[in-house]
Amino acid sequence: IGIVRPMPGLDADRFDWDFDFFSGMRRMNLDFLAQRSDDWGGSNIHACEYDPADTVLNWTDWGEEEGSIRGERICPHTSIEEMGHISIVLNLDEGTMAVHDCAYAVHDKVVLKGGLSGPYCWYVKLTQFENIAIKRGTSQT
């Protein structure tokens, strides 16, 4: 599950194959960056995703240089079997994306990424999860 910059002018028909925002393909990155608008703000984090099964967080600025896609292992649990339902919380007032396990106290969240500003849209890539829900709400922290 992740967030990506809104790109309402993107011609989706140009991408008729299975792609993701972390392909590193120069042509795709240039198409994504061509959608940049002033409301994106000063953050250069244009896409950010967390894979709870692999406990990996990836983010990108869609740049051409090596390192434009970055990742790190973030494991809020000792094992995948221990993980229950999780919540990913995007807090644009704080500029953070965080994860917490719904079985634990709300204050036990782990900040995945900071430095976010401007608008983002949620996206989901379903691989092994049976279902997912995206809800708008207020943080309980």
N, C-alpha and C. Protein backbone atom coordinates (compact mmCIF):
# COMPACT_ATOMS: atom_id res chain seq x y z
N ILE A 1 0.87 -1.17 0.00
CA ILE A 1 0.00 0.00 0.00
C ILE A 1 0.90 1.22 0.00
N GLY A 2 0.47 2.24 -0.70
CA GLY A 2 1.34 3.40 -0.77
C GLY A 2 0.60 4.67 -1.16
N ILE A 3 1.41 5.70 -1.31
CA ILE A 3 0.89 7.00 -1.73
C ILE A 3 1.69 7.46 -2.94
N VAL A 4 1.04 8.24 -3.78
CA VAL A 4 1.68 8.77 -4.97
C VAL A 4 1.10 10.14 -5.24
N ARG A 5 1.86 10.97 -5.92
CA ARG A 5 1.35 12.29 -6.27
C ARG A 5 0.17 12.18 -7.23
N PRO A 6 -0.81 13.07 -7.10
CA PRO A 6 -1.92 13.05 -8.07
C PRO A 6 -1.41 13.49 -9.44
N MET A 7 -1.84 12.77 -10.46
CA MET A 7 -1.41 13.06 -11.84
C MET A 7 -2.63 12.97 -12.76
N PRO A 8 -3.56 13.92 -12.64
CA PRO A 8 -4.80 13.82 -13.40
C PRO A 8 -4.62 13.91 -14.91
N GLY A 9 -3.54 14.48 -15.39
CA GLY A 9 -3.32 14.61 -16.83
C GLY A 9 -2.53 13.46 -17.43
N LEU A 10 -2.17 12.46 -16.63
CA LEU A 10 -1.37 11.35 -17.12
C LEU A 10 -2.19 10.51 -18.10
N ASP A 11 -1.63 10.21 -19.25
CA ASP A 11 -2.29 9.38 -20.26
C ASP A 11 -2.08 7.91 -19.90
N ALA A 12 -3.06 7.32 -19.22
CA ALA A 12 -2.94 5.94 -18.76
C ALA A 12 -2.83 4.95 -19.91
N ASP A 13 -3.32 5.30 -21.09
CA ASP A 13 -3.24 4.40 -22.24
C ASP A 13 -1.80 4.16 -22.69
N ARG A 14 -0.90 5.05 -22.33
CA ARG A 14 0.52 4.87 -22.68
C ARG A 14 1.14 3.74 -21.88
N PHE A 15 0.49 3.34 -20.80
CA PHE A 15 1.04 2.32 -19.90
C PHE A 15 0.14 1.10 -19.94
N ASP A 16 0.20 0.36 -21.05
CA ASP A 16 -0.68 -0.78 -21.21
C ASP A 16 -0.09 -2.09 -20.69
N TRP A 17 1.01 -2.02 -19.97
CA TRP A 17 1.61 -3.18 -19.35
C TRP A 17 1.58 -3.00 -17.84
N ASP A 18 1.90 -4.05 -17.15
CA ASP A 18 1.92 -3.99 -15.69
C ASP A 18 3.12 -3.15 -15.25
N PHE A 19 2.87 -2.07 -14.60
CA PHE A 19 3.96 -1.19 -14.18
C PHE A 19 3.74 -0.80 -12.73
N ASP A 20 4.76 -0.20 -12.17
CA ASP A 20 4.60 0.40 -10.85
C ASP A 20 5.37 1.71 -10.82
N PHE A 21 5.20 2.44 -9.75
CA PHE A 21 5.82 3.76 -9.64
C PHE A 21 7.31 3.68 -9.30
N PHE A 22 7.82 2.46 -9.15
CA PHE A 22 9.21 2.25 -8.76
C PHE A 22 9.98 1.47 -9.82
N SER A 23 9.57 1.56 -11.07
CA SER A 23 10.20 0.78 -12.14
C SER A 23 11.61 1.27 -12.43
N GLY A 24 11.87 2.57 -12.23
CA GLY A 24 13.17 3.14 -12.58
C GLY A 24 13.32 3.37 -14.06
N MET A 25 12.26 3.15 -14.84
CA MET A 25 12.32 3.37 -16.28
C MET A 25 12.28 4.88 -16.56
N ARG A 26 13.29 5.37 -17.24
CA ARG A 26 13.44 6.80 -17.47
C ARG A 26 12.21 7.41 -18.13
N ARG A 27 11.65 6.74 -19.16
CA ARG A 27 10.50 7.28 -19.87
C ARG A 27 9.30 7.46 -18.94
N MET A 28 9.08 6.47 -18.08
CA MET A 28 7.96 6.57 -17.15
C MET A 28 8.20 7.69 -16.15
N ASN A 29 9.41 7.78 -15.62
CA ASN A 29 9.71 8.82 -14.65
C ASN A 29 9.51 10.21 -15.24
N LEU A 30 9.93 10.39 -16.49
CA LEU A 30 9.74 11.69 -17.13
C LEU A 30 8.26 12.00 -17.32
N ASP A 31 7.46 10.99 -17.67
CA ASP A 31 6.01 11.19 -17.79
C ASP A 31 5.40 11.57 -16.44
N PHE A 32 5.85 10.91 -15.39
CA PHE A 32 5.33 11.22 -14.05
C PHE A 32 5.71 12.65 -13.64
N LEU A 33 6.98 13.00 -13.83
CA LEU A 33 7.45 14.33 -13.44
C LEU A 33 6.82 15.44 -14.27
N ALA A 34 6.42 15.13 -15.50
CA ALA A 34 5.77 16.13 -16.35
C ALA A 34 4.41 16.54 -15.77
N GLN A 35 3.88 15.75 -14.85
CA GLN A 35 2.60 16.06 -14.22
C GLN A 35 2.75 16.96 -12.99
N ARG A 36 3.99 17.29 -12.64
CA ARG A 36 4.25 18.09 -11.44
C ARG A 36 3.47 19.40 -11.49
N SER A 37 2.94 19.78 -10.34
CA SER A 37 2.24 21.06 -10.23
C SER A 37 2.75 21.78 -8.98
N ASP A 38 2.47 23.07 -8.89
CA ASP A 38 2.94 23.86 -7.76
C ASP A 38 2.43 23.34 -6.42
N ASP A 39 1.24 22.73 -6.41
CA ASP A 39 0.69 22.26 -5.14
C ASP A 39 1.40 21.02 -4.59
N TRP A 40 2.33 20.43 -5.37
CA TRP A 40 3.11 19.32 -4.84
C TRP A 40 4.01 19.77 -3.68
N GLY A 41 4.26 21.04 -3.58
CA GLY A 41 5.06 21.54 -2.47
C GLY A 41 6.54 21.26 -2.65
N GLY A 42 7.29 21.38 -1.55
CA GLY A 42 8.73 21.27 -1.61
C GLY A 42 9.29 19.88 -1.42
N SER A 43 8.46 18.91 -1.07
CA SER A 43 8.96 17.56 -0.84
C SER A 43 9.31 16.89 -2.16
N ASN A 44 10.43 16.17 -2.18
CA ASN A 44 10.79 15.42 -3.37
C ASN A 44 10.43 13.94 -3.25
N ILE A 45 9.59 13.60 -2.31
CA ILE A 45 9.09 12.23 -2.18
C ILE A 45 7.79 12.17 -2.96
N HIS A 46 7.85 11.56 -4.15
CA HIS A 46 6.70 11.56 -5.04
C HIS A 46 5.90 10.27 -4.98
N ALA A 47 6.50 9.20 -4.54
CA ALA A 47 5.80 7.94 -4.32
C ALA A 47 6.46 7.24 -3.15
N CYS A 48 5.65 6.60 -2.32
CA CYS A 48 6.15 5.95 -1.12
C CYS A 48 5.24 4.76 -0.85
N GLU A 49 5.82 3.57 -0.68
CA GLU A 49 5.00 2.39 -0.43
C GLU A 49 5.62 1.51 0.64
N TYR A 50 4.74 0.83 1.37
CA TYR A 50 5.17 -0.08 2.42
C TYR A 50 4.61 -1.46 2.12
N ASP A 51 5.47 -2.45 2.12
CA ASP A 51 5.07 -3.84 1.92
C ASP A 51 5.18 -4.54 3.27
N PRO A 52 4.05 -4.77 3.95
CA PRO A 52 4.13 -5.37 5.28
C PRO A 52 4.63 -6.80 5.27
N ALA A 53 4.43 -7.54 4.18
CA ALA A 53 4.90 -8.92 4.13
C ALA A 53 6.42 -8.97 4.10
N ASP A 54 7.05 -8.07 3.36
CA ASP A 54 8.51 -8.02 3.28
C ASP A 54 9.10 -7.01 4.25
N THR A 55 8.25 -6.24 4.92
CA THR A 55 8.64 -5.16 5.85
C THR A 55 9.63 -4.20 5.19
N VAL A 56 9.33 -3.82 3.96
CA VAL A 56 10.20 -2.92 3.21
C VAL A 56 9.43 -1.66 2.85
N LEU A 57 10.06 -0.52 3.05
CA LEU A 57 9.53 0.77 2.64
C LEU A 57 10.37 1.26 1.48
N ASN A 58 9.71 1.63 0.39
CA ASN A 58 10.39 2.22 -0.77
C ASN A 58 9.85 3.61 -1.00
N TRP A 59 10.69 4.50 -1.48
CA TRP A 59 10.23 5.82 -1.89
C TRP A 59 11.11 6.30 -3.03
N THR A 60 10.59 7.25 -3.81
CA THR A 60 11.32 7.72 -4.97
C THR A 60 11.03 9.19 -5.25
N ASP A 61 12.01 9.81 -5.90
CA ASP A 61 11.83 11.18 -6.41
C ASP A 61 11.73 11.17 -7.93
N TRP A 62 11.70 9.97 -8.53
CA TRP A 62 11.64 9.76 -9.98
C TRP A 62 12.80 10.43 -10.70
N GLY A 63 13.91 10.55 -10.02
CA GLY A 63 15.10 11.14 -10.64
C GLY A 63 15.80 10.15 -11.55
N GLU A 64 16.76 10.66 -12.30
CA GLU A 64 17.51 9.83 -13.24
C GLU A 64 18.76 9.23 -12.61
N GLU A 65 19.24 9.85 -11.56
CA GLU A 65 20.49 9.40 -10.98
C GLU A 65 20.29 8.13 -10.15
N GLU A 66 21.39 7.42 -9.95
CA GLU A 66 21.35 6.24 -9.11
C GLU A 66 20.92 6.66 -7.71
N GLY A 67 20.08 5.89 -7.11
CA GLY A 67 19.59 6.23 -5.79
C GLY A 67 18.28 6.98 -5.81
N SER A 68 17.67 7.13 -7.01
CA SER A 68 16.39 7.82 -7.06
C SER A 68 15.27 6.97 -6.48
N ILE A 69 15.53 5.66 -6.36
CA ILE A 69 14.62 4.76 -5.65
C ILE A 69 15.37 4.29 -4.42
N ARG A 70 14.77 4.52 -3.27
CA ARG A 70 15.43 4.17 -2.01
C ARG A 70 14.53 3.22 -1.23
N GLY A 71 15.13 2.41 -0.42
CA GLY A 71 14.35 1.49 0.39
C GLY A 71 15.04 1.19 1.69
N GLU A 72 14.24 0.75 2.62
CA GLU A 72 14.80 0.33 3.90
C GLU A 72 13.83 -0.65 4.55
N ARG A 73 14.39 -1.52 5.37
CA ARG A 73 13.57 -2.51 6.07
C ARG A 73 13.07 -1.88 7.37
N ILE A 74 11.75 -1.89 7.54
CA ILE A 74 11.13 -1.38 8.76
C ILE A 74 10.20 -2.46 9.27
N CYS A 75 10.52 -3.02 10.40
CA CYS A 75 9.75 -4.14 10.91
C CYS A 75 9.18 -3.83 12.29
N PRO A 76 7.90 -3.45 12.35
CA PRO A 76 7.31 -3.16 13.65
C PRO A 76 6.94 -4.42 14.44
N HIS A 77 7.16 -5.61 13.85
CA HIS A 77 6.82 -6.87 14.50
C HIS A 77 8.05 -7.77 14.51
N THR A 78 8.05 -8.74 15.38
CA THR A 78 9.16 -9.69 15.40
C THR A 78 8.99 -10.76 14.34
N SER A 79 7.76 -11.01 13.88
CA SER A 79 7.53 -11.98 12.81
C SER A 79 6.26 -11.64 12.06
N ILE A 80 6.17 -12.11 10.83
CA ILE A 80 4.99 -11.86 10.01
C ILE A 80 3.75 -12.53 10.61
N GLU A 81 3.97 -13.65 11.30
CA GLU A 81 2.85 -14.35 11.93
C GLU A 81 2.24 -13.53 13.06
N GLU A 82 3.05 -12.67 13.66
CA GLU A 82 2.61 -11.84 14.78
C GLU A 82 1.72 -10.68 14.31
N MET A 83 1.83 -10.31 13.03
CA MET A 83 1.13 -9.15 12.53
C MET A 83 -0.35 -9.47 12.28
N GLY A 84 -1.21 -8.59 12.75
CA GLY A 84 -2.64 -8.70 12.49
C GLY A 84 -3.05 -7.65 11.50
N HIS A 85 -4.20 -7.05 11.72
CA HIS A 85 -4.63 -5.94 10.88
C HIS A 85 -3.77 -4.73 11.19
N ILE A 86 -3.34 -4.06 10.15
CA ILE A 86 -2.53 -2.86 10.35
C ILE A 86 -3.25 -1.65 9.77
N SER A 87 -2.86 -0.50 10.24
CA SER A 87 -3.34 0.76 9.68
C SER A 87 -2.13 1.54 9.20
N ILE A 88 -2.26 2.10 8.01
CA ILE A 88 -1.27 3.02 7.50
C ILE A 88 -1.91 4.40 7.59
N VAL A 89 -1.27 5.31 8.27
CA VAL A 89 -1.84 6.62 8.53
C VAL A 89 -0.98 7.68 7.83
N LEU A 90 -1.63 8.47 6.98
CA LEU A 90 -0.97 9.59 6.32
C LEU A 90 -1.41 10.85 7.04
N ASN A 91 -0.46 11.53 7.67
CA ASN A 91 -0.75 12.75 8.40
C ASN A 91 0.00 13.90 7.72
N LEU A 92 -0.73 14.65 6.91
CA LEU A 92 -0.08 15.73 6.17
C LEU A 92 0.21 16.94 7.03
N ASP A 93 -0.46 17.06 8.19
CA ASP A 93 -0.11 18.14 9.11
C ASP A 93 1.30 17.92 9.67
N GLU A 94 1.63 16.66 9.97
CA GLU A 94 2.95 16.32 10.48
C GLU A 94 3.92 15.98 9.35
N GLY A 95 3.39 15.70 8.15
CA GLY A 95 4.23 15.30 7.03
C GLY A 95 4.76 13.89 7.17
N THR A 96 3.94 12.98 7.75
CA THR A 96 4.40 11.62 8.00
C THR A 96 3.43 10.57 7.47
N MET A 97 4.00 9.41 7.20
CA MET A 97 3.24 8.20 6.92
C MET A 97 3.69 7.20 7.96
N ALA A 98 2.74 6.62 8.69
CA ALA A 98 3.08 5.72 9.80
C ALA A 98 2.25 4.44 9.72
N VAL A 99 2.73 3.42 10.38
CA VAL A 99 2.00 2.14 10.45
C VAL A 99 1.81 1.79 11.92
N HIS A 100 0.66 1.22 12.23
CA HIS A 100 0.50 0.63 13.55
C HIS A 100 -0.41 -0.58 13.46
N ASP A 101 -0.17 -1.52 14.34
CA ASP A 101 -0.95 -2.75 14.39
C ASP A 101 -2.20 -2.46 15.18
N CYS A 102 -3.36 -2.76 14.62
CA CYS A 102 -4.63 -2.46 15.27
C CYS A 102 -4.82 -3.23 16.57
N ALA A 103 -4.06 -4.29 16.76
CA ALA A 103 -4.18 -5.07 17.99
C ALA A 103 -3.44 -4.41 19.16
N TYR A 104 -2.57 -3.46 18.85
CA TYR A 104 -1.80 -2.79 19.88
C TYR A 104 -2.34 -1.40 20.12
N ALA A 105 -1.82 -0.76 21.14
CA ALA A 105 -2.25 0.61 21.46
C ALA A 105 -1.91 1.55 20.32
N VAL A 106 -2.72 2.57 20.14
CA VAL A 106 -2.53 3.52 19.05
C VAL A 106 -1.17 4.19 19.13
N HIS A 107 -0.66 4.42 20.33
CA HIS A 107 0.61 5.13 20.45
C HIS A 107 1.80 4.27 20.03
N ASP A 108 1.59 2.99 19.72
CA ASP A 108 2.67 2.12 19.30
C ASP A 108 2.89 2.17 17.79
N LYS A 109 2.72 3.33 17.20
CA LYS A 109 2.90 3.44 15.76
C LYS A 109 4.39 3.60 15.44
N VAL A 110 4.74 3.23 14.22
CA VAL A 110 6.09 3.37 13.72
C VAL A 110 6.03 4.32 12.52
N VAL A 111 6.76 5.42 12.58
CA VAL A 111 6.79 6.36 11.47
C VAL A 111 7.61 5.72 10.35
N LEU A 112 6.97 5.59 9.20
CA LEU A 112 7.63 5.01 8.04
C LEU A 112 8.45 6.06 7.30
N LYS A 113 7.85 7.23 7.08
CA LYS A 113 8.52 8.27 6.31
C LYS A 113 8.06 9.63 6.77
N GLY A 114 8.98 10.55 6.89
CA GLY A 114 8.68 11.93 7.20
C GLY A 114 9.06 12.82 6.02
N GLY A 115 8.81 14.11 6.15
CA GLY A 115 9.19 15.05 5.11
C GLY A 115 8.21 15.12 3.95
N LEU A 116 6.98 14.65 4.17
CA LEU A 116 5.97 14.69 3.11
C LEU A 116 5.25 16.03 3.12
N SER A 117 4.99 16.56 1.94
CA SER A 117 4.19 17.78 1.84
C SER A 117 3.46 17.79 0.51
N GLY A 118 2.36 18.50 0.47
CA GLY A 118 1.55 18.55 -0.73
C GLY A 118 0.58 17.39 -0.79
N PRO A 119 -0.16 17.28 -1.90
CA PRO A 119 -1.19 16.24 -2.00
C PRO A 119 -0.61 14.88 -2.40
N TYR A 120 -1.29 13.83 -1.95
CA TYR A 120 -0.97 12.45 -2.31
C TYR A 120 -2.27 11.70 -2.51
N CYS A 121 -2.21 10.64 -3.29
CA CYS A 121 -3.32 9.72 -3.48
C CYS A 121 -2.88 8.35 -2.99
N TRP A 122 -3.81 7.60 -2.43
CA TRP A 122 -3.52 6.22 -2.02
C TRP A 122 -3.52 5.31 -3.24
N TYR A 123 -2.72 4.28 -3.20
CA TYR A 123 -2.83 3.20 -4.19
C TYR A 123 -2.50 1.88 -3.50
N VAL A 124 -2.98 0.80 -4.10
CA VAL A 124 -2.80 -0.53 -3.53
C VAL A 124 -2.39 -1.50 -4.63
N LYS A 125 -1.44 -2.35 -4.30
CA LYS A 125 -1.08 -3.48 -5.17
C LYS A 125 -1.39 -4.73 -4.36
N LEU A 126 -2.42 -5.45 -4.76
CA LEU A 126 -2.79 -6.66 -4.03
C LEU A 126 -1.97 -7.83 -4.53
N THR A 127 -1.31 -8.50 -3.60
CA THR A 127 -0.54 -9.68 -3.95
C THR A 127 -0.98 -10.86 -3.10
N GLN A 128 -0.83 -10.74 -1.79
CA GLN A 128 -1.19 -11.87 -0.95
C GLN A 128 -2.30 -11.55 0.04
N PHE A 129 -2.73 -10.31 0.11
CA PHE A 129 -3.77 -9.96 1.05
C PHE A 129 -5.13 -10.31 0.47
N GLU A 130 -6.02 -10.77 1.30
CA GLU A 130 -7.35 -11.12 0.82
C GLU A 130 -8.23 -9.90 0.60
N ASN A 131 -8.07 -8.90 1.44
CA ASN A 131 -8.86 -7.69 1.25
C ASN A 131 -8.15 -6.52 1.91
N ILE A 132 -8.58 -5.36 1.49
CA ILE A 132 -8.00 -4.12 2.02
C ILE A 132 -9.08 -3.06 2.00
N ALA A 133 -9.00 -2.14 2.92
CA ALA A 133 -9.95 -1.03 2.95
C ALA A 133 -9.17 0.27 3.12
N ILE A 134 -9.60 1.28 2.39
CA ILE A 134 -9.03 2.61 2.55
C ILE A 134 -10.14 3.50 3.07
N LYS A 135 -9.90 4.09 4.22
CA LYS A 135 -10.91 4.91 4.87
C LYS A 135 -10.34 6.27 5.22
N ARG A 136 -11.17 7.27 5.10
CA ARG A 136 -10.79 8.60 5.54
C ARG A 136 -11.21 8.73 7.00
N GLY A 137 -10.37 9.26 7.79
CA GLY A 137 -10.70 9.41 9.20
C GLY A 137 -9.75 10.37 9.88
N THR A 138 -9.91 10.49 11.16
CA THR A 138 -9.03 11.31 11.95
C THR A 138 -8.16 10.42 12.81
N SER A 139 -6.96 10.85 13.01
CA SER A 139 -6.03 10.10 13.84
C SER A 139 -6.48 10.09 15.28
N GLN A 140 -6.26 8.96 15.94
CA GLN A 140 -6.63 8.84 17.35
C GLN A 140 -5.48 9.13 18.28
N THR A 141 -4.37 9.62 17.73
CA THR A 141 -3.20 9.89 18.56
C THR A 141 -3.24 11.28 19.13
